[in-house]
Amino acid sequence: ERKKRLDSCQFFPLIWINTQAELESFKMEYANTRLECNAADERANILASKVIGLEEKASEHLWLNLMVYQSHLRHLKLKGVAVLGFPTLIRVVVHILFICLVFLFQLISMLVLIQMQQ
């Protein structure tokens, strides 16, 4: 009976050492995964801010083009020139659709950012 106790006493530290080693290994793996996740979040935030910046520039560019076009139309009206030909109308419609597309893309980007933060 005493031999059994000695055997079990010798066996217990071995189990404890293995459990401690596994626990430390798990902690290290968890810490590494957490660092990778934080780095990925940071990269996603940087990319999202770049995308939003590009969208804002594109939107401003389209807005300026629309303002130039409208001032050009006013100038033509003052000169008495026939204003809206068919190709011009198509360009206006395409510009409006593109502006809508840019705003839709901005909305989707913001929804993705909100989803990523949750």
N, C-alpha and C. Protein backbone atom coordinates (compact mmCIF):
# COMPACT_ATOMS: atom_id res chain seq x y z
N GLU A 1 0.82 -1.19 0.00
CA GLU A 1 0.00 0.00 0.00
C GLU A 1 0.87 1.26 0.00
N ARG A 2 1.94 1.19 0.75
CA ARG A 2 2.84 2.33 0.79
C ARG A 2 3.48 2.56 -0.58
N LYS A 3 3.78 1.49 -1.27
CA LYS A 3 4.37 1.60 -2.61
C LYS A 3 3.38 2.28 -3.56
N LYS A 4 2.09 1.95 -3.41
CA LYS A 4 1.09 2.60 -4.25
C LYS A 4 1.06 4.11 -4.02
N ARG A 5 1.14 4.48 -2.75
CA ARG A 5 1.15 5.90 -2.43
C ARG A 5 2.38 6.60 -3.02
N LEU A 6 3.52 5.96 -2.93
CA LEU A 6 4.73 6.54 -3.51
C LEU A 6 4.61 6.69 -5.01
N ASP A 7 4.06 5.66 -5.64
CA ASP A 7 3.89 5.74 -7.10
C ASP A 7 2.95 6.88 -7.48
N SER A 8 1.86 7.01 -6.75
CA SER A 8 0.91 8.08 -7.07
C SER A 8 1.51 9.45 -6.77
N CYS A 9 2.33 9.56 -5.73
CA CYS A 9 2.99 10.83 -5.42
C CYS A 9 4.00 11.20 -6.50
N GLN A 10 4.65 10.21 -7.04
CA GLN A 10 5.61 10.51 -8.11
C GLN A 10 4.90 10.85 -9.41
N PHE A 11 3.72 10.27 -9.59
CA PHE A 11 2.98 10.49 -10.83
C PHE A 11 2.32 11.88 -10.84
N PHE A 12 1.86 12.35 -9.70
CA PHE A 12 1.15 13.63 -9.62
C PHE A 12 1.99 14.82 -10.10
N PRO A 13 3.25 14.97 -9.68
CA PRO A 13 4.03 16.11 -10.19
C PRO A 13 4.21 16.06 -11.70
N LEU A 14 4.30 14.86 -12.27
CA LEU A 14 4.45 14.73 -13.71
C LEU A 14 3.20 15.25 -14.43
N ILE A 15 2.04 14.88 -13.90
CA ILE A 15 0.79 15.39 -14.47
C ILE A 15 0.73 16.91 -14.32
N TRP A 16 1.10 17.40 -13.16
CA TRP A 16 1.05 18.83 -12.90
C TRP A 16 1.98 19.59 -13.84
N ILE A 17 3.17 19.03 -14.06
CA ILE A 17 4.13 19.68 -14.97
C ILE A 17 3.57 19.71 -16.38
N ASN A 18 2.98 18.60 -16.84
CA ASN A 18 2.40 18.57 -18.19
C ASN A 18 1.25 19.56 -18.31
N THR A 19 0.42 19.63 -17.27
CA THR A 19 -0.70 20.56 -17.30
C THR A 19 -0.20 22.00 -17.31
N GLN A 20 0.81 22.29 -16.52
CA GLN A 20 1.38 23.64 -16.50
C GLN A 20 1.98 23.99 -17.86
N ALA A 21 2.68 23.03 -18.46
CA ALA A 21 3.29 23.27 -19.78
C ALA A 21 2.20 23.53 -20.82
N GLU A 22 1.14 22.74 -20.77
CA GLU A 22 0.04 22.94 -21.72
C GLU A 22 -0.64 24.29 -21.48
N LEU A 23 -0.81 24.64 -20.23
CA LEU A 23 -1.42 25.92 -19.90
C LEU A 23 -0.57 27.09 -20.41
N GLU A 24 0.73 27.00 -20.19
CA GLU A 24 1.63 28.06 -20.68
C GLU A 24 1.61 28.13 -22.20
N SER A 25 1.59 26.96 -22.83
CA SER A 25 1.54 26.91 -24.29
C SER A 25 0.24 27.56 -24.79
N PHE A 26 -0.86 27.23 -24.13
CA PHE A 26 -2.14 27.81 -24.50
C PHE A 26 -2.14 29.34 -24.31
N LYS A 27 -1.56 29.79 -23.21
CA LYS A 27 -1.49 31.23 -22.95
C LYS A 27 -0.68 31.95 -24.03
N MET A 28 0.45 31.33 -24.41
CA MET A 28 1.29 31.94 -25.46
C MET A 28 0.54 31.99 -26.79
N GLU A 29 -0.13 30.89 -27.12
CA GLU A 29 -0.87 30.83 -28.38
C GLU A 29 -2.00 31.87 -28.38
N TYR A 30 -2.67 31.99 -27.25
CA TYR A 30 -3.75 32.97 -27.12
C TYR A 30 -3.20 34.39 -27.27
N ALA A 31 -2.08 34.67 -26.64
CA ALA A 31 -1.48 36.01 -26.73
C ALA A 31 -1.07 36.32 -28.16
N ASN A 32 -0.47 35.34 -28.86
CA ASN A 32 -0.07 35.55 -30.25
C ASN A 32 -1.29 35.79 -31.14
N THR A 33 -2.33 35.01 -30.91
CA THR A 33 -3.55 35.18 -31.70
C THR A 33 -4.17 36.54 -31.45
N ARG A 34 -4.15 36.97 -30.21
CA ARG A 34 -4.69 38.28 -29.85
C ARG A 34 -3.90 39.40 -30.54
N LEU A 35 -2.57 39.27 -30.57
CA LEU A 35 -1.74 40.27 -31.25
C LEU A 35 -2.04 40.32 -32.74
N GLU A 36 -2.18 39.13 -33.36
CA GLU A 36 -2.50 39.08 -34.79
C GLU A 36 -3.86 39.72 -35.06
N CYS A 37 -4.81 39.45 -34.19
CA CYS A 37 -6.16 40.01 -34.35
C CYS A 37 -6.12 41.54 -34.22
N ASN A 38 -5.39 42.04 -33.25
CA ASN A 38 -5.26 43.49 -33.08
C ASN A 38 -4.59 44.13 -34.28
N ALA A 39 -3.55 43.46 -34.81
CA ALA A 39 -2.85 43.99 -35.99
C ALA A 39 -3.80 44.00 -37.20
N ALA A 40 -4.59 42.95 -37.35
CA ALA A 40 -5.54 42.90 -38.46
C ALA A 40 -6.59 44.00 -38.32
N ASP A 41 -7.07 44.24 -37.10
CA ASP A 41 -8.03 45.33 -36.88
C ASP A 41 -7.42 46.68 -37.23
N GLU A 42 -6.17 46.86 -36.86
CA GLU A 42 -5.49 48.13 -37.16
C GLU A 42 -5.34 48.32 -38.66
N ARG A 43 -4.94 47.24 -39.36
CA ARG A 43 -4.82 47.33 -40.83
C ARG A 43 -6.17 47.62 -41.47
N ALA A 44 -7.22 46.99 -40.96
CA ALA A 44 -8.56 47.22 -41.51
C ALA A 44 -8.99 48.67 -41.30
N ASN A 45 -8.70 49.22 -40.14
CA ASN A 45 -9.06 50.62 -39.88
C ASN A 45 -8.29 51.57 -40.79
N ILE A 46 -7.01 51.28 -41.02
CA ILE A 46 -6.20 52.12 -41.91
C ILE A 46 -6.75 52.06 -43.33
N LEU A 47 -7.05 50.83 -43.81
CA LEU A 47 -7.59 50.69 -45.16
C LEU A 47 -8.95 51.37 -45.29
N ALA A 48 -9.78 51.22 -44.26
CA ALA A 48 -11.11 51.85 -44.31
C ALA A 48 -10.98 53.37 -44.37
N SER A 49 -10.05 53.93 -43.60
CA SER A 49 -9.89 55.39 -43.64
C SER A 49 -9.36 55.84 -45.00
N LYS A 50 -8.49 55.03 -45.61
CA LYS A 50 -8.00 55.38 -46.95
C LYS A 50 -9.14 55.33 -47.97
N VAL A 51 -9.98 54.29 -47.87
CA VAL A 51 -11.12 54.17 -48.79
C VAL A 51 -12.06 55.35 -48.62
N ILE A 52 -12.35 55.71 -47.39
CA ILE A 52 -13.25 56.84 -47.14
C ILE A 52 -12.64 58.13 -47.69
N GLY A 53 -11.32 58.30 -47.52
CA GLY A 53 -10.65 59.48 -48.07
C GLY A 53 -10.76 59.54 -49.59
N LEU A 54 -10.55 58.38 -50.24
CA LEU A 54 -10.66 58.34 -51.70
C LEU A 54 -12.09 58.61 -52.16
N GLU A 55 -13.06 58.06 -51.42
CA GLU A 55 -14.46 58.31 -51.77
C GLU A 55 -14.79 59.80 -51.64
N GLU A 56 -14.28 60.43 -50.59
CA GLU A 56 -14.54 61.86 -50.41
C GLU A 56 -13.93 62.67 -51.54
N LYS A 57 -12.70 62.29 -51.95
CA LYS A 57 -12.06 63.01 -53.06
C LYS A 57 -12.86 62.83 -54.34
N ALA A 58 -13.31 61.58 -54.60
CA ALA A 58 -14.09 61.33 -55.81
C ALA A 58 -15.40 62.10 -55.78
N SER A 59 -16.03 62.14 -54.62
CA SER A 59 -17.29 62.87 -54.48
C SER A 59 -17.07 64.37 -54.71
N GLU A 60 -16.01 64.91 -54.13
CA GLU A 60 -15.70 66.34 -54.33
C GLU A 60 -15.40 66.63 -55.80
N HIS A 61 -14.68 65.71 -56.44
CA HIS A 61 -14.35 65.89 -57.86
C HIS A 61 -15.62 65.90 -58.70
N LEU A 62 -16.52 64.96 -58.42
CA LEU A 62 -17.77 64.93 -59.16
C LEU A 62 -18.61 66.18 -58.89
N TRP A 63 -18.62 66.61 -57.65
CA TRP A 63 -19.38 67.81 -57.29
C TRP A 63 -18.82 69.03 -58.04
N LEU A 64 -17.50 69.15 -58.09
CA LEU A 64 -16.89 70.27 -58.82
C LEU A 64 -17.20 70.19 -60.31
N ASN A 65 -17.16 68.97 -60.86
CA ASN A 65 -17.51 68.81 -62.28
C ASN A 65 -18.95 69.23 -62.53
N LEU A 66 -19.84 68.87 -61.62
CA LEU A 66 -21.24 69.25 -61.77
C LEU A 66 -21.39 70.77 -61.69
N MET A 67 -20.66 71.41 -60.77
CA MET A 67 -20.73 72.87 -60.65
C MET A 67 -20.21 73.53 -61.93
N VAL A 68 -19.11 73.02 -62.46
CA VAL A 68 -18.56 73.58 -63.71
C VAL A 68 -19.56 73.41 -64.84
N TYR A 69 -20.17 72.21 -64.88
CA TYR A 69 -21.14 71.94 -65.93
C TYR A 69 -22.34 72.89 -65.82
N GLN A 70 -22.82 73.10 -64.58
CA GLN A 70 -23.97 73.99 -64.40
C GLN A 70 -23.61 75.43 -64.76
N SER A 71 -22.42 75.87 -64.40
CA SER A 71 -22.02 77.24 -64.77
C SER A 71 -21.87 77.36 -66.28
N HIS A 72 -21.39 76.28 -66.91
CA HIS A 72 -21.27 76.28 -68.37
C HIS A 72 -22.66 76.37 -69.01
N LEU A 73 -23.63 75.64 -68.44
CA LEU A 73 -25.00 75.71 -68.96
C LEU A 73 -25.58 77.12 -68.80
N ARG A 74 -25.33 77.74 -67.65
CA ARG A 74 -25.82 79.12 -67.44
C ARG A 74 -25.21 80.07 -68.46
N HIS A 75 -23.92 79.87 -68.70
CA HIS A 75 -23.21 80.71 -69.68
C HIS A 75 -23.84 80.54 -71.06
N LEU A 76 -24.13 79.27 -71.43
CA LEU A 76 -24.73 79.03 -72.73
C LEU A 76 -26.13 79.62 -72.82
N LYS A 77 -26.88 79.53 -71.70
CA LYS A 77 -28.24 80.10 -71.70
C LYS A 77 -28.17 81.61 -71.89
N LEU A 78 -27.20 82.25 -71.24
CA LEU A 78 -27.06 83.70 -71.38
C LEU A 78 -26.70 84.08 -72.82
N LYS A 79 -25.95 83.19 -73.47
CA LYS A 79 -25.58 83.46 -74.86
C LYS A 79 -26.72 83.11 -75.81
N GLY A 80 -27.75 82.41 -75.32
CA GLY A 80 -28.89 82.06 -76.17
C GLY A 80 -28.68 80.80 -76.97
N VAL A 81 -27.74 79.96 -76.57
CA VAL A 81 -27.47 78.72 -77.30
C VAL A 81 -28.43 77.64 -76.80
N ALA A 82 -28.86 76.75 -77.69
CA ALA A 82 -29.69 75.61 -77.28
C ALA A 82 -28.88 74.77 -76.30
N VAL A 83 -29.47 74.50 -75.14
CA VAL A 83 -28.67 74.00 -74.03
C VAL A 83 -28.50 72.50 -74.01
N LEU A 84 -29.57 71.74 -73.98
CA LEU A 84 -29.44 70.32 -73.64
C LEU A 84 -29.58 69.45 -74.88
N GLY A 85 -28.46 69.09 -75.49
CA GLY A 85 -28.48 68.11 -76.55
C GLY A 85 -28.48 66.71 -75.96
N PHE A 86 -28.73 65.72 -76.79
CA PHE A 86 -28.83 64.35 -76.29
C PHE A 86 -27.53 63.85 -75.65
N PRO A 87 -26.33 64.05 -76.28
CA PRO A 87 -25.09 63.58 -75.63
C PRO A 87 -24.85 64.25 -74.28
N THR A 88 -25.20 65.52 -74.18
CA THR A 88 -25.03 66.23 -72.91
C THR A 88 -25.95 65.64 -71.85
N LEU A 89 -27.17 65.34 -72.23
CA LEU A 89 -28.13 64.74 -71.31
C LEU A 89 -27.62 63.39 -70.79
N ILE A 90 -27.05 62.61 -71.68
CA ILE A 90 -26.49 61.31 -71.26
C ILE A 90 -25.36 61.52 -70.26
N ARG A 91 -24.49 62.51 -70.53
CA ARG A 91 -23.40 62.77 -69.59
C ARG A 91 -23.92 63.19 -68.22
N VAL A 92 -24.95 64.01 -68.19
CA VAL A 92 -25.53 64.44 -66.91
C VAL A 92 -26.09 63.25 -66.16
N VAL A 93 -26.82 62.39 -66.85
CA VAL A 93 -27.40 61.20 -66.21
C VAL A 93 -26.30 60.28 -65.69
N VAL A 94 -25.24 60.10 -66.47
CA VAL A 94 -24.13 59.25 -66.03
C VAL A 94 -23.46 59.84 -64.80
N HIS A 95 -23.27 61.16 -64.78
CA HIS A 95 -22.67 61.81 -63.60
C HIS A 95 -23.54 61.62 -62.37
N ILE A 96 -24.83 61.79 -62.52
CA ILE A 96 -25.74 61.62 -61.38
C ILE A 96 -25.71 60.18 -60.88
N LEU A 97 -25.72 59.22 -61.80
CA LEU A 97 -25.65 57.81 -61.40
C LEU A 97 -24.33 57.51 -60.70
N PHE A 98 -23.25 58.10 -61.19
CA PHE A 98 -21.95 57.86 -60.56
C PHE A 98 -21.91 58.44 -59.15
N ILE A 99 -22.48 59.62 -58.97
CA ILE A 99 -22.55 60.22 -57.63
C ILE A 99 -23.35 59.32 -56.69
N CYS A 100 -24.48 58.81 -57.18
CA CYS A 100 -25.28 57.88 -56.36
C CYS A 100 -24.48 56.63 -56.02
N LEU A 101 -23.72 56.13 -56.97
CA LEU A 101 -22.90 54.94 -56.74
C LEU A 101 -21.82 55.21 -55.69
N VAL A 102 -21.20 56.37 -55.75
CA VAL A 102 -20.18 56.73 -54.76
C VAL A 102 -20.79 56.80 -53.37
N PHE A 103 -21.94 57.43 -53.25
CA PHE A 103 -22.58 57.52 -51.93
C PHE A 103 -23.02 56.15 -51.43
N LEU A 104 -23.48 55.29 -52.33
CA LEU A 104 -23.85 53.92 -51.94
C LEU A 104 -22.62 53.17 -51.45
N PHE A 105 -21.49 53.35 -52.13
CA PHE A 105 -20.25 52.70 -51.71
C PHE A 105 -19.81 53.21 -50.34
N GLN A 106 -19.97 54.51 -50.10
CA GLN A 106 -19.64 55.07 -48.78
C GLN A 106 -20.52 54.45 -47.70
N LEU A 107 -21.79 54.30 -47.99
CA LEU A 107 -22.71 53.71 -47.02
C LEU A 107 -22.32 52.27 -46.72
N ILE A 108 -22.00 51.51 -47.75
CA ILE A 108 -21.58 50.11 -47.55
C ILE A 108 -20.30 50.06 -46.74
N SER A 109 -19.35 50.94 -47.03
CA SER A 109 -18.09 50.96 -46.29
C SER A 109 -18.33 51.26 -44.82
N MET A 110 -19.20 52.20 -44.54
CA MET A 110 -19.48 52.52 -43.14
C MET A 110 -20.17 51.37 -42.43
N LEU A 111 -21.07 50.68 -43.12
CA LEU A 111 -21.73 49.52 -42.52
C LEU A 111 -20.72 48.41 -42.23
N VAL A 112 -19.77 48.22 -43.14
CA VAL A 112 -18.72 47.21 -42.91
C VAL A 112 -17.88 47.60 -41.71
N LEU A 113 -17.53 48.88 -41.60
CA LEU A 113 -16.75 49.34 -40.44
C LEU A 113 -17.51 49.11 -39.14
N ILE A 114 -18.79 49.43 -39.14
CA ILE A 114 -19.59 49.22 -37.93
C ILE A 114 -19.64 47.75 -37.58
N GLN A 115 -19.80 46.90 -38.59
CA GLN A 115 -19.85 45.45 -38.36
C GLN A 115 -18.52 44.94 -37.83
N MET A 116 -17.41 45.48 -38.35
CA MET A 116 -16.09 45.03 -37.90
C MET A 116 -15.83 45.45 -36.46
N GLN A 117 -16.36 46.57 -36.04
CA GLN A 117 -16.12 47.05 -34.68
C GLN A 117 -16.93 46.28 -33.66
N GLN A 118 -17.96 45.59 -34.10
CA GLN A 118 -18.77 44.83 -33.15
C GLN A 118 -18.17 43.52 -32.92
